[in-house]
PDB file of N, CA and C in Angstrom:
ATOM      1  N   MET A   1      26.581  -3.025  14.632  1.00  0.00           N
ATOM      2  CA  MET A   1      26.004  -2.330  15.769  1.00  0.00           C
ATOM      3  C   MET A   1      25.676  -0.875  15.427  1.00  0.00           C
ATOM      4  N   ASP A   2      26.386  -0.313  14.439  1.00  0.00           N
ATOM      5  CA  ASP A   2      26.134   1.079  14.051  1.00  0.00           C
ATOM      6  C   ASP A   2      24.704   1.279  13.547  1.00  0.00           C
ATOM      7  N   PHE A   3      24.163   0.251  12.900  1.00  0.00           N
ATOM      8  CA  PHE A   3      22.803   0.352  12.380  1.00  0.00           C
ATOM      9  C   PHE A   3      21.790   0.477  13.515  1.00  0.00           C
ATOM     10  N   LEU A   4      21.989  -0.243  14.586  1.00  0.00           N
ATOM     11  CA  LEU A   4      21.047  -0.239  15.705  1.00  0.00           C
ATOM     12  C   LEU A   4      21.055   1.069  16.485  1.00  0.00           C
ATOM     13  N   ILE A   5      22.180   1.786  16.469  1.00  0.00           N
ATOM     14  CA  ILE A   5      22.237   3.058  17.193  1.00  0.00           C
ATOM     15  C   ILE A   5      22.199   4.255  16.232  1.00  0.00           C
ATOM     16  N   PHE A   6      21.804   3.999  14.994  1.00  0.00           N
ATOM     17  CA  PHE A   6      21.560   5.026  13.979  1.00  0.00           C
ATOM     18  C   PHE A   6      22.808   5.823  13.588  1.00  0.00           C
ATOM     19  N   LYS A   7      23.972   5.176  13.663  1.00  0.00           N
ATOM     20  CA  LYS A   7      25.181   5.830  13.145  1.00  0.00           C
ATOM     21  C   LYS A   7      25.334   5.572  11.650  1.00  0.00           C
ATOM     22  N   SER A   8      24.686   4.536  11.149  1.00  0.00           N
ATOM     23  CA  SER A   8      24.650   4.273   9.704  1.00  0.00           C
ATOM     24  C   SER A   8      23.203   4.061   9.294  1.00  0.00           C
ATOM     25  N   PHE A   9      22.922   4.379   8.023  1.00  0.00           N
ATOM     26  CA  PHE A   9      21.554   4.267   7.516  1.00  0.00           C
ATOM     27  C   PHE A   9      21.293   2.864   6.959  1.00  0.00           C
ATOM     28  N   ILE A  10      20.025   2.588   6.778  1.00  0.00           N
ATOM     29  CA  ILE A  10      19.600   1.327   6.186  1.00  0.00           C
ATOM     30  C   ILE A  10      20.072   1.288   4.728  1.00  0.00           C
ATOM     31  N   SER A  11      20.382   0.127   4.237  1.00  0.00           N
ATOM     32  CA  SER A  11      20.938   0.022   2.893  1.00  0.00           C
ATOM     33  C   SER A  11      19.841   0.100   1.833  1.00  0.00           C
ATOM     34  N   THR A  12      20.275   0.412   0.620  1.00  0.00           N
ATOM     35  CA  THR A  12      19.346   0.481  -0.513  1.00  0.00           C
ATOM     36  C   THR A  12      18.718  -0.882  -0.781  1.00  0.00           C
ATOM     37  N   GLU A  13      19.498  -1.940  -0.616  1.00  0.00           N
ATOM     38  CA  GLU A  13      18.970  -3.292  -0.846  1.00  0.00           C
ATOM     39  C   GLU A  13      17.835  -3.609   0.131  1.00  0.00           C
ATOM     40  N   ALA A  14      17.982  -3.164   1.369  1.00  0.00           N
ATOM     41  CA  ALA A  14      16.916  -3.385   2.352  1.00  0.00           C
ATOM     42  C   ALA A  14      15.667  -2.605   1.974  1.00  0.00           C
ATOM     43  N   LEU A  15      15.830  -1.370   1.487  1.00  0.00           N
ATOM     44  CA  LEU A  15      14.672  -0.587   1.051  1.00  0.00           C
ATOM     45  C   LEU A  15      13.956  -1.248  -0.113  1.00  0.00           C
ATOM     46  N   ILE A  16      14.728  -1.781  -1.052  1.00  0.00           N
ATOM     47  CA  ILE A  16      14.120  -2.470  -2.195  1.00  0.00           C
ATOM     48  C   ILE A  16      13.369  -3.711  -1.724  1.00  0.00           C
ATOM     49  N   PHE A  17      13.936  -4.443  -0.778  1.00  0.00           N
ATOM     50  CA  PHE A  17      13.263  -5.616  -0.216  1.00  0.00           C
ATOM     51  C   PHE A  17      11.938  -5.218   0.436  1.00  0.00           C
ATOM     52  N   PHE A  18      11.958  -4.155   1.251  1.00  0.00           N
ATOM     53  CA  PHE A  18      10.734  -3.723   1.925  1.00  0.00           C
ATOM     54  C   PHE A  18       9.715  -3.165   0.936  1.00  0.00           C
ATOM     55  N   TYR A  19      10.193  -2.570  -0.147  1.00  0.00           N
ATOM     56  CA  TYR A  19       9.264  -2.097  -1.176  1.00  0.00           C
ATOM     57  C   TYR A  19       8.481  -3.271  -1.751  1.00  0.00           C
ATOM     58  N   TYR A  20       9.187  -4.312  -2.161  1.00  0.00           N
ATOM     59  CA  TYR A  20       8.505  -5.466  -2.752  1.00  0.00           C
ATOM     60  C   TYR A  20       7.616  -6.182  -1.740  1.00  0.00           C
ATOM     61  N   MET A  21       8.068  -6.259  -0.502  1.00  0.00           N
ATOM     62  CA  MET A  21       7.230  -6.878   0.527  1.00  0.00           C
ATOM     63  C   MET A  21       5.934  -6.097   0.697  1.00  0.00           C
ATOM     64  N   GLY A  22       6.031  -4.770   0.728  1.00  0.00           N
ATOM     65  CA  GLY A  22       4.842  -3.946   0.881  1.00  0.00           C
ATOM     66  C   GLY A  22       3.958  -3.948  -0.348  1.00  0.00           C
ATOM     67  N   ALA A  23       4.564  -3.921  -1.522  1.00  0.00           N
ATOM     68  CA  ALA A  23       3.786  -3.878  -2.757  1.00  0.00           C
ATOM     69  C   ALA A  23       2.999  -5.165  -2.965  1.00  0.00           C
ATOM     70  N   VAL A  24       3.530  -6.270  -2.479  1.00  0.00           N
ATOM     71  CA  VAL A  24       2.856  -7.559  -2.661  1.00  0.00           C
ATOM     72  C   VAL A  24       1.966  -7.898  -1.472  1.00  0.00           C
ATOM     73  N   THR A  25       2.480  -7.709  -0.255  1.00  0.00           N
ATOM     74  CA  THR A  25       1.738  -8.181   0.910  1.00  0.00           C
ATOM     75  C   THR A  25       0.691  -7.195   1.420  1.00  0.00           C
ATOM     76  N   LEU A  26       0.903  -5.891   1.269  1.00  0.00           N
ATOM     77  CA  LEU A  26      -0.073  -4.932   1.795  1.00  0.00           C
ATOM     78  C   LEU A  26      -1.466  -5.084   1.188  1.00  0.00           C
ATOM     79  N   PRO A  27      -1.605  -5.177  -0.135  1.00  0.00           N
ATOM     80  CA  PRO A  27      -2.970  -5.342  -0.670  1.00  0.00           C
ATOM     81  C   PRO A  27      -3.667  -6.602  -0.150  1.00  0.00           C
ATOM     82  N   PHE A  28      -2.933  -7.714  -0.126  1.00  0.00           N
ATOM     83  CA  PHE A  28      -3.529  -8.955   0.378  1.00  0.00           C
ATOM     84  C   PHE A  28      -3.779  -8.890   1.880  1.00  0.00           C
ATOM     85  N   GLY A  29      -2.864  -8.270   2.604  1.00  0.00           N
ATOM     86  CA  GLY A  29      -3.027  -8.126   4.046  1.00  0.00           C
ATOM     87  C   GLY A  29      -4.228  -7.273   4.411  1.00  0.00           C
ATOM     88  N   ILE A  30      -4.398  -6.172   3.700  1.00  0.00           N
ATOM     89  CA  ILE A  30      -5.546  -5.298   3.954  1.00  0.00           C
ATOM     90  C   ILE A  30      -6.843  -6.014   3.609  1.00  0.00           C
ATOM     91  N   TRP A  31      -6.850  -6.731   2.489  1.00  0.00           N
ATOM     92  CA  TRP A  31      -8.054  -7.481   2.097  1.00  0.00           C
ATOM     93  C   TRP A  31      -8.383  -8.544   3.149  1.00  0.00           C
ATOM     94  N   TYR A  32      -7.368  -9.266   3.621  1.00  0.00           N
ATOM     95  CA  TYR A  32      -7.589 -10.295   4.632  1.00  0.00           C
ATOM     96  C   TYR A  32      -8.089  -9.681   5.940  1.00  0.00           C
ATOM     97  N   PHE A  33      -7.477  -8.572   6.361  1.00  0.00           N
ATOM     98  CA  PHE A  33      -7.869  -7.930   7.613  1.00  0.00           C
ATOM     99  C   PHE A  33      -9.310  -7.428   7.545  1.00  0.00           C
ATOM    100  N   THR A  34      -9.684  -6.791   6.446  1.00  0.00           N
ATOM    101  CA  THR A  34     -11.064  -6.294   6.348  1.00  0.00           C
ATOM    102  C   THR A  34     -12.058  -7.451   6.281  1.00  0.00           C
ATOM    103  N   SER A  35     -11.712  -8.521   5.592  1.00  0.00           N
ATOM    104  CA  SER A  35     -12.601  -9.697   5.557  1.00  0.00           C
ATOM    105  C   SER A  35     -12.767 -10.284   6.953  1.00  0.00           C
ATOM    106  N   TRP A  36     -11.675 -10.403   7.682  1.00  0.00           N
ATOM    107  CA  TRP A  36     -11.733 -10.922   9.047  1.00  0.00           C
ATOM    108  C   TRP A  36     -12.556 -10.002   9.942  1.00  0.00           C
ATOM    109  N   PHE A  37     -12.344  -8.687   9.800  1.00  0.00           N
ATOM    110  CA  PHE A  37     -13.046  -7.713  10.625  1.00  0.00           C
ATOM    111  C   PHE A  37     -14.552  -7.752  10.373  1.00  0.00           C
ATOM    112  N   VAL A  38     -14.942  -7.849   9.114  1.00  0.00           N
ATOM    113  CA  VAL A  38     -16.368  -7.896   8.772  1.00  0.00           C
ATOM    114  C   VAL A  38     -17.000  -9.180   9.309  1.00  0.00           C
ATOM    115  N   LYS A  39     -16.277 -10.299   9.219  1.00  0.00           N
ATOM    116  CA  LYS A  39     -16.820 -11.570   9.709  1.00  0.00           C
ATOM    117  C   LYS A  39     -16.855 -11.638  11.235  1.00  0.00           C
ATOM    118  N   LYS A  40     -15.956 -10.931  11.890  1.00  0.00           N
ATOM    119  CA  LYS A  40     -15.869 -10.995  13.352  1.00  0.00           C
ATOM    120  C   LYS A  40     -17.068 -10.334  14.028  1.00  0.00           C
ATOM    121  N   PHE A  41     -17.543  -9.238  13.483  1.00  0.00           N
ATOM    122  CA  PHE A  41     -18.650  -8.502  14.088  1.00  0.00           C
ATOM    123  C   PHE A  41     -19.896  -8.657  13.231  1.00  0.00           C
ATOM    124  N   GLU A  42     -20.939  -9.245  13.827  1.00  0.00           N
ATOM    125  CA  GLU A  42     -22.165  -9.537  13.084  1.00  0.00           C
ATOM    126  C   GLU A  42     -22.843  -8.292  12.535  1.00  0.00           C
ATOM    127  N   ILE A  43     -22.871  -7.227  13.314  1.00  0.00           N
ATOM    128  CA  ILE A  43     -23.547  -6.009  12.877  1.00  0.00           C
ATOM    129  C   ILE A  43     -22.844  -5.401  11.664  1.00  0.00           C
ATOM    130  N   ILE A  44     -21.516  -5.452  11.663  1.00  0.00           N
ATOM    131  CA  ILE A  44     -20.770  -4.919  10.517  1.00  0.00           C
ATOM    132  C   ILE A  44     -20.996  -5.794   9.294  1.00  0.00           C
ATOM    133  N   GLN A  45     -21.045  -7.102   9.494  1.00  0.00           N
ATOM    134  CA  GLN A  45     -21.303  -8.005   8.366  1.00  0.00           C
ATOM    135  C   GLN A  45     -22.702  -7.765   7.803  1.00  0.00           C
ATOM    136  N   LEU A  46     -23.680  -7.562   8.658  1.00  0.00           N
ATOM    137  CA  LEU A  46     -25.035  -7.300   8.199  1.00  0.00           C
ATOM    138  C   LEU A  46     -25.101  -5.989   7.412  1.00  0.00           C
ATOM    139  N   ILE A  47     -24.472  -4.952   7.943  1.00  0.00           N
ATOM    140  CA  ILE A  47     -24.448  -3.656   7.251  1.00  0.00           C
ATOM    141  C   ILE A  47     -23.741  -3.786   5.912  1.00  0.00           C
ATOM    142  N   TYR A  48     -22.614  -4.484   5.900  1.00  0.00           N
ATOM    143  CA  TYR A  48     -21.845  -4.651   4.666  1.00  0.00           C
ATOM    144  C   TYR A  48     -22.644  -5.417   3.610  1.00  0.00           C
ATOM    145  N   GLU A  49     -23.200  -6.545   3.990  1.00  0.00           N
ATOM    146  CA  GLU A  49     -23.950  -7.370   3.030  1.00  0.00           C
ATOM    147  C   GLU A  49     -25.175  -6.639   2.497  1.00  0.00           C
ATOM    148  N   THR A  50     -25.914  -5.967   3.394  1.00  0.00           N
ATOM    149  CA  THR A  50     -27.111  -5.232   2.973  1.00  0.00           C
ATOM    150  C   THR A  50     -26.748  -4.089   2.036  1.00  0.00           C
ATOM    151  N   GLY A  51     -25.726  -3.330   2.404  1.00  0.00           N
ATOM    152  CA  GLY A  51     -25.298  -2.205   1.571  1.00  0.00           C
ATOM    153  C   GLY A  51     -24.794  -2.655   0.216  1.00  0.00           C
ATOM    154  N   LYS A  52     -24.000  -3.727   0.210  1.00  0.00           N
ATOM    155  CA  LYS A  52     -23.466  -4.244  -1.051  1.00  0.00           C
ATOM    156  C   LYS A  52     -24.586  -4.730  -1.967  1.00  0.00           C
ATOM    157  N   GLU A  53     -25.539  -5.450  -1.397  1.00  0.00           N
ATOM    158  CA  GLU A  53     -26.655  -5.985  -2.185  1.00  0.00           C
ATOM    159  C   GLU A  53     -27.508  -4.866  -2.764  1.00  0.00           C
ATOM    160  N   LYS A  54     -27.844  -3.876  -1.931  1.00  0.00           N
ATOM    161  CA  LYS A  54     -28.682  -2.766  -2.412  1.00  0.00           C
ATOM    162  C   LYS A  54     -27.956  -1.947  -3.473  1.00  0.00           C
ATOM    163  N   LEU A  55     -26.684  -1.655  -3.245  1.00  0.00           N
ATOM    164  CA  LEU A  55     -25.921  -0.865  -4.216  1.00  0.00           C
ATOM    165  C   LEU A  55     -25.793  -1.610  -5.531  1.00  0.00           C
ATOM    166  N   TRP A  56     -25.494  -2.899  -5.474  1.00  0.00           N
ATOM    167  CA  TRP A  56     -25.295  -3.671  -6.702  1.00  0.00           C
ATOM    168  C   TRP A  56     -26.604  -3.823  -7.477  1.00  0.00           C
ATOM    169  N   ASN A  57     -27.739  -3.852  -6.780  1.00  0.00           N
ATOM    170  CA  ASN A  57     -29.033  -3.948  -7.462  1.00  0.00           C
ATOM    171  C   ASN A  57     -29.447  -2.627  -8.099  1.00  0.00           C
ATOM    172  N   ILE A  58     -29.020  -1.507  -7.527  1.00  0.00           N
ATOM    173  CA  ILE A  58     -29.380  -0.188  -8.045  1.00  0.00           C
ATOM    174  C   ILE A  58     -28.583   0.161  -9.299  1.00  0.00           C
ATOM    175  N   LEU A  59     -27.313  -0.232  -9.329  1.00  0.00           N
ATOM    176  CA  LEU A  59     -26.439   0.170 -10.431  1.00  0.00           C
ATOM    177  C   LEU A  59     -26.760  -0.567 -11.726  1.00  0.00           C
ATOM    178  N   THR A  60     -26.612   0.182 -12.838  1.00  0.00           N
ATOM    179  CA  THR A  60     -26.747  -0.428 -14.163  1.00  0.00           C
ATOM    180  C   THR A  60     -25.425  -1.129 -14.498  1.00  0.00           C
ATOM    181  N   PRO A  61     -25.428  -1.995 -15.510  1.00  0.00           N
ATOM    182  CA  PRO A  61     -24.165  -2.656 -15.877  1.00  0.00           C
ATOM    183  C   PRO A  61     -23.035  -1.658 -16.225  1.00  0.00           C
ATOM    184  N   THR A  62     -23.374  -0.549 -16.866  1.00  0.00           N
ATOM    185  CA  THR A  62     -22.353   0.462 -17.181  1.00  0.00           C
ATOM    186  C   THR A  62     -21.809   1.084 -15.908  1.00  0.00           C
ATOM    187  N   GLN A  63     -22.686   1.382 -14.963  1.00  0.00           N
ATOM    188  CA  GLN A  63     -22.248   1.958 -13.697  1.00  0.00           C
ATOM    189  C   GLN A  63     -21.408   0.965 -12.893  1.00  0.00           C
ATOM    190  N   LYS A  64     -21.768  -0.304 -12.945  1.00  0.00           N
ATOM    191  CA  LYS A  64     -20.980  -1.328 -12.259  1.00  0.00           C
ATOM    192  C   LYS A  64     -19.566  -1.384 -12.835  1.00  0.00           C
ATOM    193  N   THR A  65     -19.465  -1.304 -14.152  1.00  0.00           N
ATOM    194  CA  THR A  65     -18.152  -1.304 -14.805  1.00  0.00           C
ATOM    195  C   THR A  65     -17.339  -0.096 -14.370  1.00  0.00           C
ATOM    196  N   LYS A  66     -17.976   1.070 -14.340  1.00  0.00           N
ATOM    197  CA  LYS A  66     -17.278   2.285 -13.907  1.00  0.00           C
ATOM    198  C   LYS A  66     -16.850   2.166 -12.450  1.00  0.00           C
ATOM    199  N   TYR A  67     -17.689   1.604 -11.621  1.00  0.00           N
ATOM    200  CA  TYR A  67     -17.401   1.420 -10.195  1.00  0.00           C
ATOM    201  C   TYR A  67     -16.149   0.563 -10.004  1.00  0.00           C
ATOM    202  N   VAL A  68     -16.105  -0.566 -10.698  1.00  0.00           N
ATOM    203  CA  VAL A  68     -14.950  -1.459 -10.604  1.00  0.00           C
ATOM    204  C   VAL A  68     -13.710  -0.783 -11.181  1.00  0.00           C
ATOM    205  N   LEU A  69     -13.866  -0.046 -12.279  1.00  0.00           N
ATOM    206  CA  LEU A  69     -12.746   0.647 -12.909  1.00  0.00           C
ATOM    207  C   LEU A  69     -12.155   1.718 -11.987  1.00  0.00           C
ATOM    208  N   VAL A  70     -13.016   2.442 -11.281  1.00  0.00           N
ATOM    209  CA  VAL A  70     -12.533   3.464 -10.340  1.00  0.00           C
ATOM    210  C   VAL A  70     -11.678   2.827  -9.247  1.00  0.00           C
ATOM    211  N   PHE A  71     -12.120   1.704  -8.701  1.00  0.00           N
ATOM    212  CA  PHE A  71     -11.347   1.046  -7.660  1.00  0.00           C
ATOM    213  C   PHE A  71     -10.057   0.445  -8.198  1.00  0.00           C
ATOM    214  N   ALA A  72     -10.066  -0.024  -9.437  1.00  0.00           N
ATOM    215  CA  ALA A  72      -8.832  -0.522 -10.046  1.00  0.00           C
ATOM    216  C   ALA A  72      -7.835   0.623 -10.231  1.00  0.00           C
ATOM    217  N   ILE A  73      -8.317   1.775 -10.662  1.00  0.00           N
ATOM    218  CA  ILE A  73      -7.451   2.945 -10.836  1.00  0.00           C
ATOM    219  C   ILE A  73      -6.920   3.410  -9.482  1.00  0.00           C
ATOM    220  N   LEU A  74      -7.767   3.423  -8.455  1.00  0.00           N
ATOM    221  CA  LEU A  74      -7.307   3.792  -7.114  1.00  0.00           C
ATOM    222  C   LEU A  74      -6.225   2.840  -6.615  1.00  0.00           C
ATOM    223  N   PHE A  75      -6.387   1.565  -6.901  1.00  0.00           N
ATOM    224  CA  PHE A  75      -5.369   0.583  -6.516  1.00  0.00           C
ATOM    225  C   PHE A  75      -4.047   0.873  -7.225  1.00  0.00           C
ATOM    226  N   LEU A  76      -4.110   1.179  -8.514  1.00  0.00           N
ATOM    227  CA  LEU A  76      -2.889   1.487  -9.260  1.00  0.00           C
ATOM    228  C   LEU A  76      -2.218   2.756  -8.739  1.00  0.00           C
ATOM    229  N   PHE A  77      -2.997   3.770  -8.377  1.00  0.00           N
ATOM    230  CA  PHE A  77      -2.428   4.986  -7.799  1.00  0.00           C
ATOM    231  C   PHE A  77      -1.787   4.707  -6.441  1.00  0.00           C
ATOM    232  N   MET A  78      -2.392   3.826  -5.669  1.00  0.00           N
ATOM    233  CA  MET A  78      -1.808   3.449  -4.391  1.00  0.00           C
ATOM    234  C   MET A  78      -0.449   2.784  -4.600  1.00  0.00           C
ATOM    235  N   GLU A  79      -0.385   1.886  -5.569  1.00  0.00           N
ATOM    236  CA  GLU A  79       0.885   1.224  -5.875  1.00  0.00           C
ATOM    237  C   GLU A  79       1.916   2.218  -6.400  1.00  0.00           C
ATOM    238  N   LEU A  80       1.485   3.178  -7.211  1.00  0.00           N
ATOM    239  CA  LEU A  80       2.385   4.210  -7.727  1.00  0.00           C
ATOM    240  C   LEU A  80       2.933   5.070  -6.593  1.00  0.00           C
ATOM    241  N   PHE A  81       2.069   5.454  -5.661  1.00  0.00           N
ATOM    242  CA  PHE A  81       2.509   6.238  -4.507  1.00  0.00           C
ATOM    243  C   PHE A  81       3.528   5.465  -3.684  1.00  0.00           C
ATOM    244  N   TRP A  82       3.274   4.182  -3.463  1.00  0.00           N
ATOM    245  CA  TRP A  82       4.189   3.334  -2.704  1.00  0.00           C
ATOM    246  C   TRP A  82       5.560   3.297  -3.387  1.00  0.00           C
ATOM    247  N   ARG A  83       5.554   3.172  -4.729  1.00  0.00           N
ATOM    248  CA  ARG A  83       6.806   3.145  -5.487  1.00  0.00           C
ATOM    249  C   ARG A  83       7.545   4.481  -5.371  1.00  0.00           C
ATOM    250  N   MET A  84       6.818   5.583  -5.519  1.00  0.00           N
ATOM    251  CA  MET A  84       7.442   6.902  -5.448  1.00  0.00           C
ATOM    252  C   MET A  84       8.020   7.172  -4.059  1.00  0.00           C
ATOM    253  N   LEU A  85       7.353   6.702  -3.025  1.00  0.00           N
ATOM    254  CA  LEU A  85       7.853   6.861  -1.667  1.00  0.00           C
ATOM    255  C   LEU A  85       9.211   6.188  -1.511  1.00  0.00           C
ATOM    256  N   PHE A  86       9.333   4.971  -1.998  1.00  0.00           N
ATOM    257  CA  PHE A  86      10.597   4.260  -1.876  1.00  0.00           C
ATOM    258  C   PHE A  86      11.660   4.814  -2.812  1.00  0.00           C
ATOM    259  N   GLU A  87      11.269   5.302  -3.979  1.00  0.00           N
ATOM    260  CA  GLU A  87      12.251   5.956  -4.850  1.00  0.00           C
ATOM    261  C   GLU A  87      12.813   7.201  -4.169  1.00  0.00           C
ATOM    262  N   PHE A  88      11.963   7.944  -3.482  1.00  0.00           N
ATOM    263  CA  PHE A  88      12.430   9.111  -2.746  1.00  0.00           C
ATOM    264  C   PHE A  88      13.420   8.707  -1.657  1.00  0.00           C
ATOM    265  N   LEU A  89      13.097   7.671  -0.909  1.00  0.00           N
ATOM    266  CA  LEU A  89      13.993   7.221   0.157  1.00  0.00           C
ATOM    267  C   LEU A  89      15.335   6.754  -0.395  1.00  0.00           C
ATOM    268  N   ILE A  90      15.305   6.029  -1.502  1.00  0.00           N
ATOM    269  CA  ILE A  90      16.548   5.553  -2.106  1.00  0.00           C
ATOM    270  C   ILE A  90      17.362   6.728  -2.644  1.00  0.00           C
ATOM    271  N   ALA A  91      16.699   7.695  -3.286  1.00  0.00           N
ATOM    272  CA  ALA A  91      17.405   8.878  -3.786  1.00  0.00           C
ATOM    273  C   ALA A  91      18.011   9.662  -2.628  1.00  0.00           C
ATOM    274  N   TYR A  92      17.294   9.775  -1.535  1.00  0.00           N
ATOM    275  CA  TYR A  92      17.821  10.463  -0.359  1.00  0.00           C
ATOM    276  C   TYR A  92      19.103   9.794   0.126  1.00  0.00           C
ATOM    277  N   MET A  93      19.086   8.480   0.182  1.00  0.00           N
ATOM    278  CA  MET A  93      20.275   7.756   0.634  1.00  0.00           C
ATOM    279  C   MET A  93      21.444   7.970  -0.312  1.00  0.00           C
ATOM    280  N   GLN A  94      21.170   7.969  -1.611  1.00  0.00           N
ATOM    281  CA  GLN A  94      22.246   8.171  -2.583  1.00  0.00           C
ATOM    282  C   GLN A  94      22.801   9.590  -2.507  1.00  0.00           C
ATOM    283  N   ILE A  95      21.936  10.573  -2.341  1.00  0.00           N
ATOM    284  CA  ILE A  95      22.392  11.963  -2.204  1.00  0.00           C
ATOM    285  C   ILE A  95      23.216  12.115  -0.932  1.00  0.00           C
ATOM    286  N   ARG A  96      22.750  11.543   0.148  1.00  0.00           N
ATOM    287  CA  ARG A  96      23.477  11.621   1.418  1.00  0.00           C
ATOM    288  C   ARG A  96      24.844  10.970   1.300  1.00  0.00           C
ATOM    289  N   ASP A  97      24.915   9.803   0.668  1.00  0.00           N
ATOM    290  CA  ASP A  97      26.196   9.128   0.482  1.00  0.00           C
ATOM    291  C   ASP A  97      27.143   9.959  -0.379  1.00  0.00           C
ATOM    292  N   ALA A  98      26.629  10.571  -1.452  1.00  0.00           N
ATOM    293  CA  ALA A  98      27.457  11.388  -2.329  1.00  0.00           C
ATOM    294  C   ALA A  98      27.997  12.611  -1.571  1.00  0.00           C
ATOM    295  N   LEU A  99      27.156  13.257  -0.798  1.00  0.00           N
ATOM    296  CA  LEU A  99      27.614  14.412  -0.028  1.00  0.00           C
ATOM    297  C   LEU A  99      28.593  14.012   1.066  1.00  0.00           C
ATOM    298  N   TYR A 100      28.357  12.877   1.685  1.00  0.00           N
ATOM    299  CA  TYR A 100      29.248  12.411   2.742  1.00  0.00           C
ATOM    300  C   TYR A 100      30.631  12.075   2.183  1.00  0.00           C
ATOM    301  N   ASN A 101      30.656  11.469   0.965  1.00  0.00           N
ATOM    302  CA  ASN A 101      31.919  11.116   0.340  1.00  0.00           C
ATOM    303  C   ASN A 101      32.695  12.354  -0.118  1.00  0.00           C
ATOM    304  N   VAL A 102      31.993  13.406  -0.564  1.00  0.00           N
ATOM    305  CA  VAL A 102      32.647  14.634  -0.983  1.00  0.00           C
ATOM    306  C   VAL A 102      33.221  15.369   0.227  1.00  0.00           C
ATOM    307  N   ALA A 103      32.449  15.429   1.303  1.00  0.00           N
ATOM    308  CA  ALA A 103      32.873  16.171   2.503  1.00  0.00           C
ATOM    309  C   ALA A 103      33.926  15.406   3.300  1.00  0.00           C
ATOM    310  N   GLY A 104      33.849  14.086   3.254  1.00  0.00           N
ATOM    311  CA  GLY A 104      34.729  13.310   4.125  1.00  0.00           C
ATOM    312  C   GLY A 104      35.850  12.739   3.367  1.00  0.00           C
TER     313      GLY A 104
END
């Protein structure tokens, strides 16, 4: 009951579980949501398809490679940020526990 009234913090194991859930499910969830959103509204689907077709026809093969590489790098940075966020939270919990044990 202490967890529900914030007298104790969430455990490190729970943070690690949520990290893996987010690292795996967020990219797929976002991709699924955007695909659903584009298909749900005809005007957005038309804009998306037209823009994608025109952009892909304008770009040279080298530019297409760079385009895909930029998005792959952005994805990796997103995953790195997600990892660093959870490492910070876990470190905070460990520091808090160490200080609590010294003081108490």
